[in-house]
Amino acid sequence: MHEDFFYRLAGIQIGKGSTLHMGIKFYQPGHIVIGEDSIIGEDTVLDGRADLIIGNHVDVASEVMIYNSQHDIHDENFIAIENRLLLKIMCSSVHEQLFYQE
């Protein structure tokens, strides 16, 4: 796919056999790694403000929003909180915002 060339040029590491569908939005793509034989659905949001690693054989459904950064609403300066995110399991038909915090 021609899109993969531009994704790689932006710094995204994409494994062999993976498919990225149209309309994906990336934040800081240089911190995003997608393993082999994985699928990223249409209109997905992938947040690379902290490391985002999507493993091998992972299916992320269309319109899923994966964020690994948010603001601390209890901090007077509303500081950003970022956490590394590793997806290793099959995700199917999940249409909600996912946020992982250690």
Foldseek 3Di string as FASTA:
>chain_A
DVVVVVLVVLQEAAEAQEEEDPQEAEASRNQHYEYHNEYHEHNEYYYRPDHEYEYYPEYHYHQEYEDQKAFDPPDPVRDIDGDHHYHDDHDPPDNYYDYDDD
